[in-house]
Amino acid sequence: MSTITQELESVIAALTTEGKEPSVALIKARLSNPLPIPVIIKALQAWKKNAKVPTIEKQTKTLTADERIAQLEQQVTALSERLARLEAQQ
């Protein structure tokens, strides 16, 4: 089970033991790492329906080589401009 799923389950369990009805706002406020609202809604709906939080895994976008090169080129350009401004100040 992923850590995101475990954290959602523990937050919902804590809210119910406190006698509070879990809601998106209450769950979002207690999460240690922010999650997108649609993910919280999906988890809450599943919990209300089955008393179980579905397995939620963090997805990382893998950049293609061209995308990585474009990012690096932008960073180099920005740093070169910054360096030129700093050298001009001296």
N, C-alpha and C. Protein backbone atom coordinates (compact mmCIF):
# COMPACT_ATOMS: atom_id res chain seq x y z
N MET A 1 0.85 -1.17 0.00
CA MET A 1 0.00 0.00 0.00
C MET A 1 0.90 1.24 0.00
N SER A 2 0.51 2.22 -0.78
CA SER A 2 1.36 3.41 -0.89
C SER A 2 1.24 4.30 0.34
N THR A 3 2.22 5.16 0.50
CA THR A 3 2.21 6.06 1.66
C THR A 3 1.07 7.07 1.55
N ILE A 4 0.71 7.43 0.33
CA ILE A 4 -0.41 8.37 0.16
C ILE A 4 -1.69 7.72 0.64
N THR A 5 -1.91 6.47 0.26
CA THR A 5 -3.11 5.75 0.69
C THR A 5 -3.11 5.59 2.21
N GLN A 6 -1.97 5.25 2.78
CA GLN A 6 -1.88 5.08 4.23
C GLN A 6 -2.18 6.39 4.95
N GLU A 7 -1.65 7.49 4.44
CA GLU A 7 -1.89 8.77 5.09
C GLU A 7 -3.37 9.16 5.00
N LEU A 8 -3.98 8.94 3.84
CA LEU A 8 -5.41 9.25 3.71
C LEU A 8 -6.24 8.41 4.68
N GLU A 9 -5.92 7.12 4.78
CA GLU A 9 -6.64 6.26 5.71
C GLU A 9 -6.47 6.72 7.15
N SER A 10 -5.26 7.09 7.53
CA SER A 10 -5.04 7.52 8.91
C SER A 10 -5.74 8.84 9.21
N VAL A 11 -5.76 9.75 8.25
CA VAL A 11 -6.45 11.03 8.45
C VAL A 11 -7.95 10.80 8.60
N ILE A 12 -8.52 9.97 7.73
CA ILE A 12 -9.95 9.69 7.81
C ILE A 12 -10.28 8.97 9.12
N ALA A 13 -9.44 8.03 9.52
CA ALA A 13 -9.66 7.31 10.78
C ALA A 13 -9.60 8.27 11.97
N ALA A 14 -8.64 9.19 11.94
CA ALA A 14 -8.52 10.15 13.03
C ALA A 14 -9.76 11.04 13.11
N LEU A 15 -10.25 11.46 11.97
CA LEU A 15 -11.45 12.30 11.96
C LEU A 15 -12.66 11.56 12.50
N THR A 16 -12.82 10.30 12.12
CA THR A 16 -13.98 9.55 12.60
C THR A 16 -13.87 9.25 14.09
N THR A 17 -12.66 9.00 14.60
CA THR A 17 -12.52 8.75 16.04
C THR A 17 -12.78 10.03 16.84
N GLU A 18 -12.58 11.18 16.21
CA GLU A 18 -12.90 12.45 16.87
C GLU A 18 -14.38 12.78 16.76
N GLY A 19 -15.14 11.91 16.08
CA GLY A 19 -16.57 12.14 15.91
C GLY A 19 -16.90 13.13 14.81
N LYS A 20 -15.95 13.40 13.95
CA LYS A 20 -16.17 14.34 12.86
C LYS A 20 -16.44 13.57 11.57
N GLU A 21 -17.29 14.13 10.74
CA GLU A 21 -17.57 13.55 9.43
C GLU A 21 -16.45 13.98 8.48
N PRO A 22 -15.70 13.03 7.93
CA PRO A 22 -14.62 13.40 7.01
C PRO A 22 -15.15 14.19 5.82
N SER A 23 -14.47 15.26 5.49
CA SER A 23 -14.81 16.08 4.33
C SER A 23 -13.52 16.41 3.60
N VAL A 24 -13.66 16.89 2.38
CA VAL A 24 -12.49 17.24 1.59
C VAL A 24 -11.65 18.28 2.31
N ALA A 25 -12.29 19.29 2.85
CA ALA A 25 -11.56 20.37 3.54
C ALA A 25 -10.82 19.87 4.77
N LEU A 26 -11.48 19.03 5.58
CA LEU A 26 -10.83 18.52 6.78
C LEU A 26 -9.66 17.61 6.43
N ILE A 27 -9.85 16.78 5.41
CA ILE A 27 -8.77 15.88 5.00
C ILE A 27 -7.59 16.69 4.46
N LYS A 28 -7.88 17.64 3.59
CA LYS A 28 -6.81 18.46 2.98
C LYS A 28 -6.03 19.20 4.06
N ALA A 29 -6.72 19.69 5.07
CA ALA A 29 -6.05 20.45 6.13
C ALA A 29 -5.10 19.58 6.96
N ARG A 30 -5.38 18.30 7.05
CA ARG A 30 -4.56 17.43 7.90
C ARG A 30 -3.47 16.66 7.16
N LEU A 31 -3.45 16.73 5.86
CA LEU A 31 -2.43 16.01 5.11
C LEU A 31 -1.07 16.67 5.27
N SER A 32 -0.04 15.86 5.42
CA SER A 32 1.30 16.41 5.56
C SER A 32 1.86 16.86 4.20
N ASN A 33 1.45 16.18 3.13
CA ASN A 33 1.84 16.56 1.78
C ASN A 33 0.58 16.90 1.00
N PRO A 34 0.57 18.04 0.32
CA PRO A 34 -0.65 18.42 -0.41
C PRO A 34 -0.97 17.46 -1.54
N LEU A 35 -2.26 17.21 -1.71
CA LEU A 35 -2.74 16.37 -2.80
C LEU A 35 -3.75 17.17 -3.61
N PRO A 36 -3.89 16.88 -4.88
CA PRO A 36 -4.91 17.56 -5.68
C PRO A 36 -6.31 17.24 -5.15
N ILE A 37 -7.20 18.21 -5.20
CA ILE A 37 -8.57 18.04 -4.71
C ILE A 37 -9.26 16.83 -5.35
N PRO A 38 -9.14 16.62 -6.67
CA PRO A 38 -9.82 15.44 -7.26
C PRO A 38 -9.38 14.12 -6.64
N VAL A 39 -8.13 14.01 -6.24
CA VAL A 39 -7.63 12.78 -5.60
C VAL A 39 -8.29 12.60 -4.25
N ILE A 40 -8.40 13.69 -3.49
CA ILE A 40 -9.04 13.62 -2.17
C ILE A 40 -10.51 13.26 -2.32
N ILE A 41 -11.18 13.86 -3.30
CA ILE A 41 -12.60 13.58 -3.54
C ILE A 41 -12.79 12.10 -3.88
N LYS A 42 -11.94 11.58 -4.76
CA LYS A 42 -12.03 10.17 -5.16
C LYS A 42 -11.84 9.26 -3.95
N ALA A 43 -10.86 9.55 -3.13
CA ALA A 43 -10.61 8.74 -1.94
C ALA A 43 -11.77 8.81 -0.96
N LEU A 44 -12.31 10.00 -0.76
CA LEU A 44 -13.43 10.17 0.18
C LEU A 44 -14.68 9.45 -0.31
N GLN A 45 -14.96 9.55 -1.61
CA GLN A 45 -16.12 8.86 -2.17
C GLN A 45 -15.98 7.34 -2.02
N ALA A 46 -14.78 6.84 -2.30
CA ALA A 46 -14.56 5.39 -2.17
C ALA A 46 -14.68 4.96 -0.71
N TRP A 47 -14.19 5.79 0.20
CA TRP A 47 -14.27 5.44 1.62
C TRP A 47 -15.73 5.43 2.08
N LYS A 48 -16.52 6.42 1.63
CA LYS A 48 -17.93 6.46 2.02
C LYS A 48 -18.70 5.26 1.45
N LYS A 49 -18.32 4.81 0.27
CA LYS A 49 -19.02 3.71 -0.38
C LYS A 49 -18.59 2.35 0.17
N ASN A 50 -17.28 2.16 0.37
CA ASN A 50 -16.76 0.84 0.75
C ASN A 50 -16.05 0.81 2.09
N ALA A 51 -15.97 1.94 2.76
CA ALA A 51 -15.21 2.07 4.01
C ALA A 51 -13.75 1.70 3.78
N LYS A 52 -13.26 1.99 2.58
CA LYS A 52 -11.88 1.67 2.23
C LYS A 52 -11.37 2.73 1.26
N VAL A 53 -10.13 3.15 1.46
CA VAL A 53 -9.50 4.12 0.56
C VAL A 53 -8.80 3.34 -0.55
N PRO A 54 -9.04 3.72 -1.82
CA PRO A 54 -8.36 3.00 -2.90
C PRO A 54 -6.86 3.29 -2.90
N THR A 55 -6.11 2.41 -3.49
CA THR A 55 -4.66 2.60 -3.58
C THR A 55 -4.38 3.77 -4.52
N ILE A 56 -3.67 4.75 -4.01
CA ILE A 56 -3.34 5.94 -4.77
C ILE A 56 -1.82 6.05 -4.81
N GLU A 57 -1.29 6.15 -6.00
CA GLU A 57 0.15 6.25 -6.15
C GLU A 57 0.50 7.57 -6.82
N LYS A 58 1.60 8.12 -6.40
CA LYS A 58 2.06 9.37 -6.98
C LYS A 58 2.67 9.07 -8.34
N GLN A 59 2.21 9.81 -9.33
CA GLN A 59 2.73 9.62 -10.67
C GLN A 59 3.71 10.72 -10.99
N THR A 60 4.82 10.31 -11.54
CA THR A 60 5.81 11.29 -11.95
C THR A 60 5.86 11.32 -13.47
N LYS A 61 5.88 12.49 -14.00
CA LYS A 61 5.92 12.64 -15.45
C LYS A 61 7.37 12.46 -15.89
N THR A 62 7.56 11.57 -16.83
CA THR A 62 8.88 11.34 -17.37
C THR A 62 9.06 12.24 -18.59
N LEU A 63 10.09 13.04 -18.54
CA LEU A 63 10.35 13.95 -19.65
C LEU A 63 11.13 13.24 -20.74
N THR A 64 10.81 13.60 -21.96
CA THR A 64 11.58 13.06 -23.08
C THR A 64 12.92 13.79 -23.13
N ALA A 65 13.84 13.26 -23.90
CA ALA A 65 15.16 13.89 -24.02
C ALA A 65 15.02 15.30 -24.59
N ASP A 66 14.13 15.48 -25.56
CA ASP A 66 13.94 16.81 -26.15
C ASP A 66 13.39 17.80 -25.13
N GLU A 67 12.45 17.35 -24.29
CA GLU A 67 11.89 18.23 -23.26
C GLU A 67 12.96 18.61 -22.23
N ARG A 68 13.77 17.64 -21.84
CA ARG A 68 14.85 17.92 -20.89
C ARG A 68 15.86 18.89 -21.47
N ILE A 69 16.21 18.71 -22.73
CA ILE A 69 17.16 19.62 -23.39
C ILE A 69 16.58 21.03 -23.45
N ALA A 70 15.30 21.14 -23.79
CA ALA A 70 14.66 22.46 -23.86
C ALA A 70 14.68 23.14 -22.49
N GLN A 71 14.39 22.38 -21.44
CA GLN A 71 14.44 22.94 -20.07
C GLN A 71 15.84 23.42 -19.73
N LEU A 72 16.82 22.61 -20.03
CA LEU A 72 18.20 22.98 -19.72
C LEU A 72 18.64 24.20 -20.52
N GLU A 73 18.23 24.28 -21.77
CA GLU A 73 18.57 25.45 -22.58
C GLU A 73 17.96 26.72 -21.99
N GLN A 74 16.72 26.62 -21.51
CA GLN A 74 16.07 27.78 -20.87
C GLN A 74 16.83 28.19 -19.61
N GLN A 75 17.25 27.21 -18.83
CA GLN A 75 17.99 27.51 -17.61
C GLN A 75 19.33 28.16 -17.93
N VAL A 76 20.02 27.67 -18.94
CA VAL A 76 21.31 28.24 -19.32
C VAL A 76 21.12 29.67 -19.80
N THR A 77 20.10 29.92 -20.60
CA THR A 77 19.83 31.27 -21.09
C THR A 77 19.54 32.21 -19.92
N ALA A 78 18.68 31.78 -18.99
CA ALA A 78 18.34 32.62 -17.84
C ALA A 78 19.57 32.90 -16.98
N LEU A 79 20.39 31.90 -16.75
CA LEU A 79 21.59 32.09 -15.94
C LEU A 79 22.61 32.98 -16.65
N SER A 80 22.72 32.83 -17.96
CA SER A 80 23.65 33.68 -18.72
C SER A 80 23.22 35.15 -18.66
N GLU A 81 21.92 35.39 -18.77
CA GLU A 81 21.41 36.76 -18.68
C GLU A 81 21.65 37.33 -17.29
N ARG A 82 21.42 36.51 -16.28
CA ARG A 82 21.63 36.97 -14.90
C ARG A 82 23.11 37.29 -14.66
N LEU A 83 23.98 36.44 -15.15
CA LEU A 83 25.41 36.67 -15.01
C LEU A 83 25.84 37.96 -15.72
N ALA A 84 25.30 38.18 -16.90
CA ALA A 84 25.63 39.40 -17.65
C ALA A 84 25.17 40.64 -16.88
N ARG A 85 23.99 40.59 -16.28
CA ARG A 85 23.50 41.73 -15.49
C ARG A 85 24.39 41.98 -14.27
N LEU A 86 24.79 40.90 -13.59
CA LEU A 86 25.64 41.03 -12.42
C LEU A 86 27.02 41.61 -12.79
N GLU A 87 27.56 41.15 -13.91
CA GLU A 87 28.86 41.66 -14.34
C GLU A 87 28.76 43.13 -14.75
N ALA A 88 27.63 43.52 -15.31
CA ALA A 88 27.43 44.91 -15.73
C ALA A 88 27.34 45.85 -14.52
N GLN A 89 26.89 45.33 -13.39
CA GLN A 89 26.75 46.15 -12.17
C GLN A 89 28.11 46.47 -11.58
N GLN A 90 29.10 45.67 -11.81
CA GLN A 90 30.40 45.85 -11.17
C GLN A 90 31.24 46.84 -11.86
